[in-house]
C-alpha atoms as a PDB file:
ATOM      1  CA  UNK A   1     -44.551 119.190-165.209  1.00  0.00           C
ATOM      2  CA  UNK A   2     -41.727 119.687-162.696  1.00  0.00           C
ATOM      3  CA  UNK A   3     -44.065 118.845-159.821  1.00  0.00           C
ATOM      4  CA  UNK A   4     -45.127 115.638-161.598  1.00  0.00           C
ATOM      5  CA  UNK A   5     -41.475 114.679-162.098  1.00  0.00           C
ATOM      6  CA  UNK A   6     -40.703 115.379-158.433  1.00  0.00           C
ATOM      7  CA  UNK A   7     -43.644 113.235-157.277  1.00  0.00           C
ATOM      8  CA  UNK A   8     -42.583 110.440-159.604  1.00  0.00           C
ATOM      9  CA  UNK A   9     -39.007 110.621-158.294  1.00  0.00           C
ATOM     10  CA  UNK A  10     -40.228 110.436-154.678  1.00  0.00           C
ATOM     11  CA  UNK A  11     -42.348 107.383-155.507  1.00  0.00           C
ATOM     12  CA  UNK A  12     -39.426 105.762-157.338  1.00  0.00           C
ATOM     13  CA  UNK A  13     -37.010 106.513-154.492  1.00  0.00           C
ATOM     14  CA  UNK A  14     -39.468 105.179-151.928  1.00  0.00           C
ATOM     15  CA  UNK A  15     -39.977 101.993-153.907  1.00  0.00           C
ATOM     16  CA  UNK A  16     -36.186 101.461-153.896  1.00  0.00           C
ATOM     17  CA  UNK A  17     -36.188 101.777-150.119  1.00  0.00           C
ATOM     18  CA  UNK A  18     -34.578 105.232-150.067  1.00  0.00           C
ATOM     19  CA  UNK A  19     -35.642 107.776-147.503  1.00  0.00           C
ATOM     20  CA  UNK A  20     -36.660 110.933-149.357  1.00  0.00           C
ATOM     21  CA  UNK A  21     -37.080 112.917-146.149  1.00  0.00           C
ATOM     22  CA  UNK A  22     -40.697 113.720-147.034  1.00  0.00           C
ATOM     23  CA  UNK A  23     -43.169 112.894-144.283  1.00  0.00           C
ATOM     24  CA  UNK A  24     -46.900 113.503-144.022  1.00  0.00           C
ATOM     25  CA  UNK A  25     -46.384 115.998-141.167  1.00  0.00           C
ATOM     26  CA  UNK A  26     -43.919 117.962-143.327  1.00  0.00           C
ATOM     27  CA  UNK A  27     -46.655 118.803-145.808  1.00  0.00           C
ATOM     28  CA  UNK A  28     -48.678 120.537-143.105  1.00  0.00           C
ATOM     29  CA  UNK A  29     -46.108 123.312-142.659  1.00  0.00           C
ATOM     30  CA  UNK A  30     -46.991 126.275-144.864  1.00  0.00           C
ATOM     31  CA  UNK A  31     -44.843 129.224-143.817  1.00  0.00           C
ATOM     32  CA  UNK A  32     -45.741 132.712-144.963  1.00  0.00           C
ATOM     33  CA  UNK A  33     -43.765 134.147-147.843  1.00  0.00           C
ATOM     34  CA  UNK A  34     -40.362 135.581-147.026  1.00  0.00           C
ATOM     35  CA  UNK A  35     -40.174 139.357-147.139  1.00  0.00           C
ATOM     36  CA  UNK A  36     -38.703 139.599-150.643  1.00  0.00           C
ATOM     37  CA  UNK A  37     -37.559 143.148-149.968  1.00  0.00           C
ATOM     38  CA  UNK A  38     -35.279 142.042-147.118  1.00  0.00           C
ATOM     39  CA  UNK A  39     -34.411 138.631-148.543  1.00  0.00           C
ATOM     40  CA  UNK A  40     -32.065 140.054-151.215  1.00  0.00           C
ATOM     41  CA  UNK A  41     -28.442 139.758-150.050  1.00  0.00           C
ATOM     42  CA  UNK A  42     -27.403 143.426-150.061  1.00  0.00           C
ATOM     43  CA  UNK A  43     -30.662 144.646-148.512  1.00  0.00           C
ATOM     44  CA  UNK A  44     -30.459 141.967-145.802  1.00  0.00           C
ATOM     45  CA  UNK A  45     -26.907 143.140-145.128  1.00  0.00           C
ATOM     46  CA  UNK A  46     -28.003 146.764-144.851  1.00  0.00           C
ATOM     47  CA  UNK A  47     -30.888 146.012-142.503  1.00  0.00           C
ATOM     48  CA  UNK A  48     -28.792 143.642-140.373  1.00  0.00           C
ATOM     49  CA  UNK A  49     -25.929 146.119-140.063  1.00  0.00           C
ATOM     50  CA  UNK A  50     -28.308 148.906-139.101  1.00  0.00           C
ATOM     51  CA  UNK A  51     -30.007 146.670-136.536  1.00  0.00           C
ATOM     52  CA  UNK A  52     -26.629 146.241-134.831  1.00  0.00           C
ATOM     53  CA  UNK A  53     -25.714 149.951-135.012  1.00  0.00           C
ATOM     54  CA  UNK A  54     -27.589 153.171-134.264  1.00  0.00           C
ATOM     55  CA  UNK A  55     -26.601 154.515-137.666  1.00  0.00           C
ATOM     56  CA  UNK A  56     -24.068 153.884-140.397  1.00  0.00           C
ATOM     57  CA  UNK A  57     -22.675 156.046-143.147  1.00  0.00           C
ATOM     58  CA  UNK A  58     -22.863 155.187-146.817  1.00  0.00           C
ATOM     59  CA  UNK A  59     -19.092 154.603-146.837  1.00  0.00           C
ATOM     60  CA  UNK A  60     -19.274 152.286-143.815  1.00  0.00           C
ATOM     61  CA  UNK A  61     -22.055 150.202-145.366  1.00  0.00           C
ATOM     62  CA  UNK A  62     -20.255 150.092-148.701  1.00  0.00           C
ATOM     63  CA  UNK A  63     -17.069 148.852-147.067  1.00  0.00           C
ATOM     64  CA  UNK A  64     -18.850 146.345-144.835  1.00  0.00           C
ATOM     65  CA  UNK A  65     -20.930 144.859-147.669  1.00  0.00           C
ATOM     66  CA  UNK A  66     -18.230 145.031-150.337  1.00  0.00           C
ATOM     67  CA  UNK A  67     -20.547 146.567-152.894  1.00  0.00           C
ATOM     68  CA  UNK A  68     -20.358 149.410-155.395  1.00  0.00           C
ATOM     69  CA  UNK A  69     -21.731 152.916-154.883  1.00  0.00           C
ATOM     70  CA  UNK A  70     -24.502 152.356-157.420  1.00  0.00           C
ATOM     71  CA  UNK A  71     -25.531 148.968-156.073  1.00  0.00           C
ATOM     72  CA  UNK A  72     -25.673 150.181-152.472  1.00  0.00           C
ATOM     73  CA  UNK A  73     -27.532 153.322-153.500  1.00  0.00           C
ATOM     74  CA  UNK A  74     -30.243 151.392-155.365  1.00  0.00           C
ATOM     75  CA  UNK A  75     -30.793 148.900-152.551  1.00  0.00           C
ATOM     76  CA  UNK A  76     -30.786 151.564-149.830  1.00  0.00           C
ATOM     77  CA  UNK A  77     -33.325 153.582-151.828  1.00  0.00           C
ATOM     78  CA  UNK A  78     -35.645 150.551-152.058  1.00  0.00           C
ATOM     79  CA  UNK A  79     -35.461 150.101-148.284  1.00  0.00           C
ATOM     80  CA  UNK A  80     -36.077 153.808-147.785  1.00  0.00           C
ATOM     81  CA  UNK A  81     -39.121 153.755-150.081  1.00  0.00           C
ATOM     82  CA  UNK A  82     -40.515 150.833-148.067  1.00  0.00           C
ATOM     83  CA  UNK A  83     -40.040 152.802-144.850  1.00  0.00           C
ATOM     84  CA  UNK A  84     -37.472 150.346-143.464  1.00  0.00           C
ATOM     85  CA  UNK A  85     -34.598 152.852-143.299  1.00  0.00           C
ATOM     86  CA  UNK A  86     -34.200 156.607-143.135  1.00  0.00           C
ATOM     87  CA  UNK A  87     -31.533 158.535-144.947  1.00  0.00           C
ATOM     88  CA  UNK A  88     -30.075 161.855-143.784  1.00  0.00           C
ATOM     89  CA  UNK A  89     -27.644 163.784-145.972  1.00  0.00           C
ATOM     90  CA  UNK A  90     -25.365 166.474-144.629  1.00  0.00           C
ATOM     91  CA  UNK A  91     -21.949 167.954-145.160  1.00  0.00           C
ATOM     92  CA  UNK A  92     -18.879 167.692-142.974  1.00  0.00           C
ATOM     93  CA  UNK A  93     -16.941 170.656-144.241  1.00  0.00           C
ATOM     94  CA  UNK A  94     -17.084 170.152-148.007  1.00  0.00           C
ATOM     95  CA  UNK A  95     -17.538 166.385-147.802  1.00  0.00           C
ATOM     96  CA  UNK A  96     -21.041 164.991-148.180  1.00  0.00           C
ATOM     97  CA  UNK A  97     -22.056 162.420-145.584  1.00  0.00           C
ATOM     98  CA  UNK A  98     -25.066 160.141-145.905  1.00  0.00           C
ATOM     99  CA  UNK A  99     -26.269 158.422-142.737  1.00  0.00           C
ATOM    100  CA  UNK A 100     -28.747 155.554-142.609  1.00  0.00           C
ATOM    101  CA  UNK A 101     -30.862 154.414-139.663  1.00  0.00           C
ATOM    102  CA  UNK A 102     -33.226 151.496-139.278  1.00  0.00           C
ATOM    103  CA  UNK A 103     -36.828 152.547-138.630  1.00  0.00           C
ATOM    104  CA  UNK A 104     -39.202 150.830-136.235  1.00  0.00           C
ATOM    105  CA  UNK A 105     -40.962 149.343-139.255  1.00  0.00           C
ATOM    106  CA  UNK A 106     -37.628 148.065-140.573  1.00  0.00           C
ATOM    107  CA  UNK A 107     -36.735 146.529-137.217  1.00  0.00           C
ATOM    108  CA  UNK A 108     -40.137 144.808-137.048  1.00  0.00           C
ATOM    109  CA  UNK A 109     -39.758 143.524-140.617  1.00  0.00           C
ATOM    110  CA  UNK A 110     -36.316 142.131-139.810  1.00  0.00           C
ATOM    111  CA  UNK A 111     -37.680 140.460-136.670  1.00  0.00           C
ATOM    112  CA  UNK A 112     -40.487 138.818-138.697  1.00  0.00           C
ATOM    113  CA  UNK A 113     -37.956 137.713-141.311  1.00  0.00           C
ATOM    114  CA  UNK A 114     -35.629 136.182-138.701  1.00  0.00           C
ATOM    115  CA  UNK A 115     -38.539 134.443-136.946  1.00  0.00           C
ATOM    116  CA  UNK A 116     -39.596 132.989-140.278  1.00  0.00           C
ATOM    117  CA  UNK A 117     -36.082 131.708-140.987  1.00  0.00           C
ATOM    118  CA  UNK A 118     -35.907 130.242-137.487  1.00  0.00           C
ATOM    119  CA  UNK A 119     -39.187 128.370-138.090  1.00  0.00           C
ATOM    120  CA  UNK A 120     -37.871 127.062-141.409  1.00  0.00           C
ATOM    121  CA  UNK A 121     -34.676 125.810-139.776  1.00  0.00           C
ATOM    122  CA  UNK A 122     -36.586 124.056-136.990  1.00  0.00           C
ATOM    123  CA  UNK A 123     -38.933 122.473-139.547  1.00  0.00           C
ATOM    124  CA  UNK A 124     -36.058 121.371-141.776  1.00  0.00           C
ATOM    125  CA  UNK A 125     -34.340 119.732-138.817  1.00  0.00           C
ATOM    126  CA  UNK A 126     -37.478 117.747-138.059  1.00  0.00           C
ATOM    127  CA  UNK A 127     -38.762 119.791-135.160  1.00  0.00           C
ATOM    128  CA  UNK A 128     -42.054 121.560-135.005  1.00  0.00           C
ATOM    129  CA  UNK A 129     -42.447 124.899-136.717  1.00  0.00           C
END
């Protein structure tokens, strides 16, 4: 239904002389699906921050991303389960310290994700993907 409405709107816009931005070559670009695990805002923030740093503590990530303990914990656990980050827990005196690092798999996944976004941007700007 929505697709039919969109096609009808494009035809109507074209008949009124409006440029819809849709070209035959545009339809040939079929990018792979985004990595849904990384695409979520907090997880993308975690992976990006860890790509720029050797490691980061839970407190550093929480402060940087402006998130709650529970939210950060859930997202970091998902990335850990996927093998994108490692988590090491230790104590400094009596204070627990949790350190996260990006794994090789996580770095590769981020690189694929960024390459995909770059291709989408080039395509959207009218260049070749």
